[in-house]
């Protein structure tokens, strides 16, 4: 039985589901939009400031049939955001094909560190220094969301901005625990470099998931 489950996980027919919930997208281009979030467990990128470290170990989250995830999602919204963890740890083909067959808009939030699988209407790329994105995801990203924790992150943001496609929207977002310090720096930076926009974690200000 375990081998059969592992085989299905390897094919993306089952995924380690950490949580799923209906809320308002808090960040980036689609902020303020009602969306159903599907959080997939498993990530080895290991950002020290990650606010969902409990997602890292995939073994803590039950392998769940993608068809079940889809049937839950469609009860709530036609905009689905797949996040993690790092969802591209797994093959997203089966999940996204089923979501698209139900007529849904399918978004992903990813570090881009793994092969891009699945069919996406919107790709939010948030690169991490520890494990850089693949060339393919740079080419296909709709928005680049750079987390600003310290001054070096501005340098990293500029470096990453040279790698994405010309239509990709560029965002700088304060790391939540450092927001009081870095927000003024981000505001000043964006005013001096207006190709960038400010992204805030508005869901945290609204006190929603």
Foldseek 3Di string as FASTA:
>chain_A
DVVVLVVCQQQVQWFQWDDKDWDAQQKDDRGRHIEIETETADADLDDVLDPPVVRHDSVVGDTGGLVVVLVVRVVHDLEYEYEYNAVLVTACAVNQVSSVVVVGAYEYEHLQQHDDHHDHPAYEHEHDPSGHHDLVCLAVHQEYEYECADPVSVVVLVVSVVRHDPNYQYEYEYSVVCCVPCVVVVVVVCVVVVSYDYMYRVCVVVVHD
